Amino acid sequence: MNKFRKGIIVFAILIITGHVILIKYTGLSWLNNAGSYLGIVAMILIVISVIFSSRKEKVNKAYNQKVDEKL
């Protein structure tokens, strides 16, 4: 992973931490914490997306190297 992707992951983890801190634990209902719940889910999806993107890039890079070697 390059520095930009690592930065995105760190930023998303910080946002998740902030949303976990902002959750009102006295009432865990959707009405009280909808923004925090959606923020946590969104950041988790961003982290997953960055990880899959990095894996796909590695696979493509390896494939391109094999194709170049055959030429």
PDB file of N, CA and C in Angstrom:
ATOM      1  N   MET A   1       0.837  -1.179   0.000  1.00  0.00           N
ATOM      2  CA  MET A   1       0.000   0.000   0.000  1.00  0.00           C
ATOM      3  C   MET A   1       0.883   1.244   0.000  1.00  0.00           C
ATOM      4  N   ASN A   2       0.446   2.222  -0.707  1.00  0.00           N
ATOM      5  CA  ASN A   2       1.228   3.443  -0.703  1.00  0.00           C
ATOM      6  C   ASN A   2       0.809   4.332   0.471  1.00  0.00           C
ATOM      7  N   LYS A   3       1.501   5.442   0.621  1.00  0.00           N
ATOM      8  CA  LYS A   3       1.282   6.309   1.780  1.00  0.00           C
ATOM      9  C   LYS A   3      -0.121   6.891   1.808  1.00  0.00           C
ATOM     10  N   PHE A   4      -0.659   7.217   0.631  1.00  0.00           N
ATOM     11  CA  PHE A   4      -1.999   7.804   0.583  1.00  0.00           C
ATOM     12  C   PHE A   4      -3.037   6.834   1.122  1.00  0.00           C
ATOM     13  N   ARG A   5      -2.952   5.582   0.725  1.00  0.00           N
ATOM     14  CA  ARG A   5      -3.921   4.587   1.198  1.00  0.00           C
ATOM     15  C   ARG A   5      -3.779   4.348   2.699  1.00  0.00           C
ATOM     16  N   LYS A   6      -2.553   4.302   3.164  1.00  0.00           N
ATOM     17  CA  LYS A   6      -2.350   4.145   4.609  1.00  0.00           C
ATOM     18  C   LYS A   6      -2.918   5.341   5.358  1.00  0.00           C
ATOM     19  N   GLY A   7      -2.751   6.524   4.781  1.00  0.00           N
ATOM     20  CA  GLY A   7      -3.304   7.726   5.395  1.00  0.00           C
ATOM     21  C   GLY A   7      -4.813   7.684   5.466  1.00  0.00           C
ATOM     22  N   ILE A   8      -5.452   7.195   4.411  1.00  0.00           N
ATOM     23  CA  ILE A   8      -6.910   7.078   4.404  1.00  0.00           C
ATOM     24  C   ILE A   8      -7.370   6.107   5.491  1.00  0.00           C
ATOM     25  N   ILE A   9      -6.654   4.995   5.628  1.00  0.00           N
ATOM     26  CA  ILE A   9      -7.026   4.013   6.656  1.00  0.00           C
ATOM     27  C   ILE A   9      -6.877   4.606   8.050  1.00  0.00           C
ATOM     28  N   VAL A  10      -5.783   5.310   8.300  1.00  0.00           N
ATOM     29  CA  VAL A  10      -5.566   5.932   9.615  1.00  0.00           C
ATOM     30  C   VAL A  10      -6.654   6.970   9.887  1.00  0.00           C
ATOM     31  N   PHE A  11      -6.961   7.787   8.879  1.00  0.00           N
ATOM     32  CA  PHE A  11      -8.001   8.803   9.036  1.00  0.00           C
ATOM     33  C   PHE A  11      -9.348   8.158   9.335  1.00  0.00           C
ATOM     34  N   ALA A  12      -9.689   7.084   8.629  1.00  0.00           N
ATOM     35  CA  ALA A  12     -10.959   6.395   8.855  1.00  0.00           C
ATOM     36  C   ALA A  12     -11.020   5.801  10.264  1.00  0.00           C
ATOM     37  N   ILE A  13      -9.910   5.256  10.727  1.00  0.00           N
ATOM     38  CA  ILE A  13      -9.878   4.694  12.086  1.00  0.00           C
ATOM     39  C   ILE A  13     -10.064   5.798  13.120  1.00  0.00           C
ATOM     40  N   LEU A  14      -9.482   6.965  12.874  1.00  0.00           N
ATOM     41  CA  LEU A  14      -9.675   8.089  13.788  1.00  0.00           C
ATOM     42  C   LEU A  14     -11.137   8.545  13.800  1.00  0.00           C
ATOM     43  N   ILE A  15     -11.759   8.569  12.638  1.00  0.00           N
ATOM     44  CA  ILE A  15     -13.174   8.943  12.566  1.00  0.00           C
ATOM     45  C   ILE A  15     -14.039   7.907  13.289  1.00  0.00           C
ATOM     46  N   ILE A  16     -13.723   6.630  13.113  1.00  0.00           N
ATOM     47  CA  ILE A  16     -14.467   5.575  13.824  1.00  0.00           C
ATOM     48  C   ILE A  16     -14.331   5.777  15.335  1.00  0.00           C
ATOM     49  N   THR A  17     -13.117   6.052  15.787  1.00  0.00           N
ATOM     50  CA  THR A  17     -12.879   6.276  17.215  1.00  0.00           C
ATOM     51  C   THR A  17     -13.707   7.459  17.715  1.00  0.00           C
ATOM     52  N   GLY A  18     -13.740   8.528  16.925  1.00  0.00           N
ATOM     53  CA  GLY A  18     -14.537   9.688  17.313  1.00  0.00           C
ATOM     54  C   GLY A  18     -16.015   9.372  17.402  1.00  0.00           C
ATOM     55  N   HIS A  19     -16.526   8.602  16.460  1.00  0.00           N
ATOM     56  CA  HIS A  19     -17.940   8.237  16.495  1.00  0.00           C
ATOM     57  C   HIS A  19     -18.254   7.319  17.672  1.00  0.00           C
ATOM     58  N   VAL A  20     -17.337   6.428  18.002  1.00  0.00           N
ATOM     59  CA  VAL A  20     -17.555   5.553  19.161  1.00  0.00           C
ATOM     60  C   VAL A  20     -17.598   6.375  20.444  1.00  0.00           C
ATOM     61  N   ILE A  21     -16.773   7.409  20.511  1.00  0.00           N
ATOM     62  CA  ILE A  21     -16.775   8.273  21.693  1.00  0.00           C
ATOM     63  C   ILE A  21     -18.071   9.073  21.777  1.00  0.00           C
ATOM     64  N   LEU A  22     -18.609   9.491  20.636  1.00  0.00           N
ATOM     65  CA  LEU A  22     -19.808  10.334  20.618  1.00  0.00           C
ATOM     66  C   LEU A  22     -21.121   9.574  20.805  1.00  0.00           C
ATOM     67  N   ILE A  23     -21.079   8.250  20.789  1.00  0.00           N
ATOM     68  CA  ILE A  23     -22.305   7.466  20.987  1.00  0.00           C
ATOM     69  C   ILE A  23     -22.834   7.731  22.389  1.00  0.00           C
ATOM     70  N   LYS A  24     -24.141   7.946  22.475  1.00  0.00           N
ATOM     71  CA  LYS A  24     -24.807   8.126  23.771  1.00  0.00           C
ATOM     72  C   LYS A  24     -25.144   6.742  24.318  1.00  0.00           C
ATOM     73  N   TYR A  25     -24.367   6.302  25.269  1.00  0.00           N
ATOM     74  CA  TYR A  25     -24.498   4.933  25.766  1.00  0.00           C
ATOM     75  C   TYR A  25     -25.681   4.739  26.705  1.00  0.00           C
ATOM     76  N   THR A  26     -26.317   5.836  27.127  1.00  0.00           N
ATOM     77  CA  THR A  26     -27.493   5.677  27.985  1.00  0.00           C
ATOM     78  C   THR A  26     -28.695   5.208  27.184  1.00  0.00           C
ATOM     79  N   GLY A  27     -28.721   5.546  25.899  1.00  0.00           N
ATOM     80  CA  GLY A  27     -29.792   5.080  25.028  1.00  0.00           C
ATOM     81  C   GLY A  27     -29.194   4.723  23.683  1.00  0.00           C
ATOM     82  N   LEU A  28     -29.064   3.444  23.406  1.00  0.00           N
ATOM     83  CA  LEU A  28     -28.399   3.002  22.183  1.00  0.00           C
ATOM     84  C   LEU A  28     -29.361   2.886  21.000  1.00  0.00           C
ATOM     85  N   SER A  29     -30.473   3.594  21.062  1.00  0.00           N
ATOM     86  CA  SER A  29     -31.457   3.494  19.993  1.00  0.00           C
ATOM     87  C   SER A  29     -30.962   4.208  18.735  1.00  0.00           C
ATOM     88  N   TRP A  30     -31.611   3.889  17.619  1.00  0.00           N
ATOM     89  CA  TRP A  30     -31.277   4.500  16.336  1.00  0.00           C
ATOM     90  C   TRP A  30     -31.539   6.003  16.375  1.00  0.00           C
ATOM     91  N   LEU A  31     -32.588   6.414  17.046  1.00  0.00           N
ATOM     92  CA  LEU A  31     -32.947   7.829  17.096  1.00  0.00           C
ATOM     93  C   LEU A  31     -31.866   8.665  17.784  1.00  0.00           C
ATOM     94  N   ASN A  32     -31.243   8.115  18.798  1.00  0.00           N
ATOM     95  CA  ASN A  32     -30.214   8.860  19.530  1.00  0.00           C
ATOM     96  C   ASN A  32     -28.858   8.849  18.836  1.00  0.00           C
ATOM     97  N   ASN A  33     -28.550   7.812  18.092  1.00  0.00           N
ATOM     98  CA  ASN A  33     -27.186   7.622  17.595  1.00  0.00           C
ATOM     99  C   ASN A  33     -27.094   7.321  16.107  1.00  0.00           C
ATOM    100  N   ALA A  34     -28.067   7.703  15.320  1.00  0.00           N
ATOM    101  CA  ALA A  34     -28.076   7.351  13.901  1.00  0.00           C
ATOM    102  C   ALA A  34     -26.840   7.869  13.179  1.00  0.00           C
ATOM    103  N   GLY A  35     -26.449   9.102  13.453  1.00  0.00           N
ATOM    104  CA  GLY A  35     -25.275   9.675  12.793  1.00  0.00           C
ATOM    105  C   GLY A  35     -23.998   8.924  13.119  1.00  0.00           C
ATOM    106  N   SER A  36     -23.843   8.565  14.364  1.00  0.00           N
ATOM    107  CA  SER A  36     -22.650   7.817  14.765  1.00  0.00           C
ATOM    108  C   SER A  36     -22.630   6.426  14.149  1.00  0.00           C
ATOM    109  N   TYR A  37     -23.775   5.758  14.145  1.00  0.00           N
ATOM    110  CA  TYR A  37     -23.839   4.427  13.548  1.00  0.00           C
ATOM    111  C   TYR A  37     -23.514   4.469  12.057  1.00  0.00           C
ATOM    112  N   LEU A  38     -24.101   5.427  11.352  1.00  0.00           N
ATOM    113  CA  LEU A  38     -23.846   5.545   9.918  1.00  0.00           C
ATOM    114  C   LEU A  38     -22.394   5.917   9.641  1.00  0.00           C
ATOM    115  N   GLY A  39     -21.830   6.777  10.480  1.00  0.00           N
ATOM    116  CA  GLY A  39     -20.424   7.153  10.319  1.00  0.00           C
ATOM    117  C   GLY A  39     -19.489   5.972  10.509  1.00  0.00           C
ATOM    118  N   ILE A  40     -19.775   5.149  11.498  1.00  0.00           N
ATOM    119  CA  ILE A  40     -18.950   3.965  11.756  1.00  0.00           C
ATOM    120  C   ILE A  40     -19.037   2.993  10.583  1.00  0.00           C
ATOM    121  N   VAL A  41     -20.248   2.745  10.104  1.00  0.00           N
ATOM    122  CA  VAL A  41     -20.424   1.821   8.982  1.00  0.00           C
ATOM    123  C   VAL A  41     -19.723   2.357   7.738  1.00  0.00           C
ATOM    124  N   ALA A  42     -19.868   3.651   7.477  1.00  0.00           N
ATOM    125  CA  ALA A  42     -19.240   4.255   6.300  1.00  0.00           C
ATOM    126  C   ALA A  42     -17.722   4.138   6.358  1.00  0.00           C
ATOM    127  N   MET A  43     -17.133   4.393   7.497  1.00  0.00           N
ATOM    128  CA  MET A  43     -15.670   4.327   7.614  1.00  0.00           C
ATOM    129  C   MET A  43     -15.181   2.881   7.512  1.00  0.00           C
ATOM    130  N   ILE A  44     -15.948   1.934   8.049  1.00  0.00           N
ATOM    131  CA  ILE A  44     -15.567   0.526   7.911  1.00  0.00           C
ATOM    132  C   ILE A  44     -15.586   0.126   6.442  1.00  0.00           C
ATOM    133  N   LEU A  45     -16.606   0.582   5.716  1.00  0.00           N
ATOM    134  CA  LEU A  45     -16.682   0.274   4.288  1.00  0.00           C
ATOM    135  C   LEU A  45     -15.533   0.918   3.510  1.00  0.00           C
ATOM    136  N   ILE A  46     -15.122   2.106   3.896  1.00  0.00           N
ATOM    137  CA  ILE A  46     -13.980   2.758   3.241  1.00  0.00           C
ATOM    138  C   ILE A  46     -12.705   1.963   3.481  1.00  0.00           C
ATOM    139  N   VAL A  47     -12.489   1.512   4.704  1.00  0.00           N
ATOM    140  CA  VAL A  47     -11.291   0.712   5.012  1.00  0.00           C
ATOM    141  C   VAL A  47     -11.293  -0.570   4.196  1.00  0.00           C
ATOM    142  N   ILE A  48     -12.435  -1.245   4.140  1.00  0.00           N
ATOM    143  CA  ILE A  48     -12.530  -2.483   3.356  1.00  0.00           C
ATOM    144  C   ILE A  48     -12.251  -2.204   1.886  1.00  0.00           C
ATOM    145  N   SER A  49     -12.793  -1.115   1.375  1.00  0.00           N
ATOM    146  CA  SER A  49     -12.585  -0.744  -0.023  1.00  0.00           C
ATOM    147  C   SER A  49     -11.112  -0.484  -0.324  1.00  0.00           C
ATOM    148  N   VAL A  50     -10.433   0.203   0.554  1.00  0.00           N
ATOM    149  CA  VAL A  50      -9.004   0.493   0.350  1.00  0.00           C
ATOM    150  C   VAL A  50      -8.192  -0.794   0.384  1.00  0.00           C
ATOM    151  N   ILE A  51      -8.522  -1.699   1.287  1.00  0.00           N
ATOM    152  CA  ILE A  51      -7.798  -2.969   1.383  1.00  0.00           C
ATOM    153  C   ILE A  51      -7.989  -3.794   0.111  1.00  0.00           C
ATOM    154  N   PHE A  52      -9.245  -3.906  -0.363  1.00  0.00           N
ATOM    155  CA  PHE A  52      -9.491  -4.664  -1.593  1.00  0.00           C
ATOM    156  C   PHE A  52      -8.836  -4.012  -2.796  1.00  0.00           C
ATOM    157  N   SER A  53      -8.831  -2.697  -2.835  1.00  0.00           N
ATOM    158  CA  SER A  53      -8.187  -1.973  -3.932  1.00  0.00           C
ATOM    159  C   SER A  53      -6.682  -2.250  -3.956  1.00  0.00           C
ATOM    160  N   SER A  54      -6.078  -2.276  -2.791  1.00  0.00           N
ATOM    161  CA  SER A  54      -4.643  -2.568  -2.712  1.00  0.00           C
ATOM    162  C   SER A  54      -4.344  -3.988  -3.171  1.00  0.00           C
ATOM    163  N   ARG A  55      -5.175  -4.929  -2.759  1.00  0.00           N
ATOM    164  CA  ARG A  55      -4.982  -6.317  -3.188  1.00  0.00           C
ATOM    165  C   ARG A  55      -5.128  -6.453  -4.696  1.00  0.00           C
ATOM    166  N   LYS A  56      -6.124  -5.800  -5.250  1.00  0.00           N
ATOM    167  CA  LYS A  56      -6.350  -5.862  -6.692  1.00  0.00           C
ATOM    168  C   LYS A  56      -5.175  -5.256  -7.446  1.00  0.00           C
ATOM    169  N   GLU A  57      -4.630  -4.166  -6.933  1.00  0.00           N
ATOM    170  CA  GLU A  57      -3.482  -3.536  -7.577  1.00  0.00           C
ATOM    171  C   GLU A  57      -2.260  -4.452  -7.548  1.00  0.00           C
ATOM    172  N   LYS A  58      -2.049  -5.152  -6.443  1.00  0.00           N
ATOM    173  CA  LYS A  58      -0.926  -6.082  -6.353  1.00  0.00           C
ATOM    174  C   LYS A  58      -1.082  -7.224  -7.345  1.00  0.00           C
ATOM    175  N   VAL A  59      -2.300  -7.746  -7.463  1.00  0.00           N
ATOM    176  CA  VAL A  59      -2.548  -8.836  -8.403  1.00  0.00           C
ATOM    177  C   VAL A  59      -2.308  -8.361  -9.825  1.00  0.00           C
ATOM    178  N   ASN A  60      -2.812  -7.183 -10.164  1.00  0.00           N
ATOM    179  CA  ASN A  60      -2.612  -6.636 -11.509  1.00  0.00           C
ATOM    180  C   ASN A  60      -1.138  -6.377 -11.799  1.00  0.00           C
ATOM    181  N   LYS A  61      -0.423  -5.892 -10.800  1.00  0.00           N
ATOM    182  CA  LYS A  61       1.006  -5.622 -10.982  1.00  0.00           C
ATOM    183  C   LYS A  61       1.767  -6.930 -11.232  1.00  0.00           C
ATOM    184  N   ALA A  62       1.437  -7.970 -10.469  1.00  0.00           N
ATOM    185  CA  ALA A  62       2.090  -9.269 -10.653  1.00  0.00           C
ATOM    186  C   ALA A  62       1.748  -9.846 -12.021  1.00  0.00           C
ATOM    187  N   TYR A  63       0.513  -9.711 -12.446  1.00  0.00           N
ATOM    188  CA  TYR A  63       0.091 -10.224 -13.748  1.00  0.00           C
ATOM    189  C   TYR A  63       0.817  -9.483 -14.869  1.00  0.00           C
ATOM    190  N   ASN A  64       0.912  -8.179 -14.745  1.00  0.00           N
ATOM    191  CA  ASN A  64       1.595  -7.391 -15.768  1.00  0.00           C
ATOM    192  C   ASN A  64       3.080  -7.730 -15.850  1.00  0.00           C
ATOM    193  N   GLN A  65       3.704  -8.047 -14.718  1.00  0.00           N
ATOM    194  CA  GLN A  65       5.107  -8.442 -14.734  1.00  0.00           C
ATOM    195  C   GLN A  65       5.279  -9.781 -15.448  1.00  0.00           C
ATOM    196  N   LYS A  66       4.352 -10.707 -15.224  1.00  0.00           N
ATOM    197  CA  LYS A  66       4.424 -12.004 -15.895  1.00  0.00           C
ATOM    198  C   LYS A  66       4.237 -11.849 -17.396  1.00  0.00           C
ATOM    199  N   VAL A  67       3.318 -10.985 -17.791  1.00  0.00           N
ATOM    200  CA  VAL A  67       3.083 -10.754 -19.215  1.00  0.00           C
ATOM    201  C   VAL A  67       4.311 -10.104 -19.853  1.00  0.00           C
ATOM    202  N   ASP A  68       4.909  -9.166 -19.160  1.00  0.00           N
ATOM    203  CA  ASP A  68       6.110  -8.493 -19.690  1.00  0.00           C
ATOM    204  C   ASP A  68       7.286  -9.468 -19.838  1.00  0.00           C
ATOM    205  N   GLU A  69       7.393 -10.427 -18.897  1.00  0.00           N
ATOM    206  CA  GLU A  69       8.478 -11.405 -18.969  1.00  0.00           C
ATOM    207  C   GLU A  69       8.311 -12.332 -20.184  1.00  0.00           C
ATOM    208  N   LYS A  70       7.078 -12.642 -20.527  1.00  0.00           N
ATOM    209  CA  LYS A  70       6.827 -13.521 -21.667  1.00  0.00           C
ATOM    210  C   LYS A  70       7.131 -12.830 -23.006  1.00  0.00           C
ATOM    211  N   LEU A  71       7.030 -11.500 -22.987  1.00  0.00           N
ATOM    212  CA  LEU A  71       7.304 -10.764 -24.231  1.00  0.00           C
ATOM    213  C   LEU A  71       8.779 -10.635 -24.363  1.00  0.00           C
TER     214      LEU A  71
END
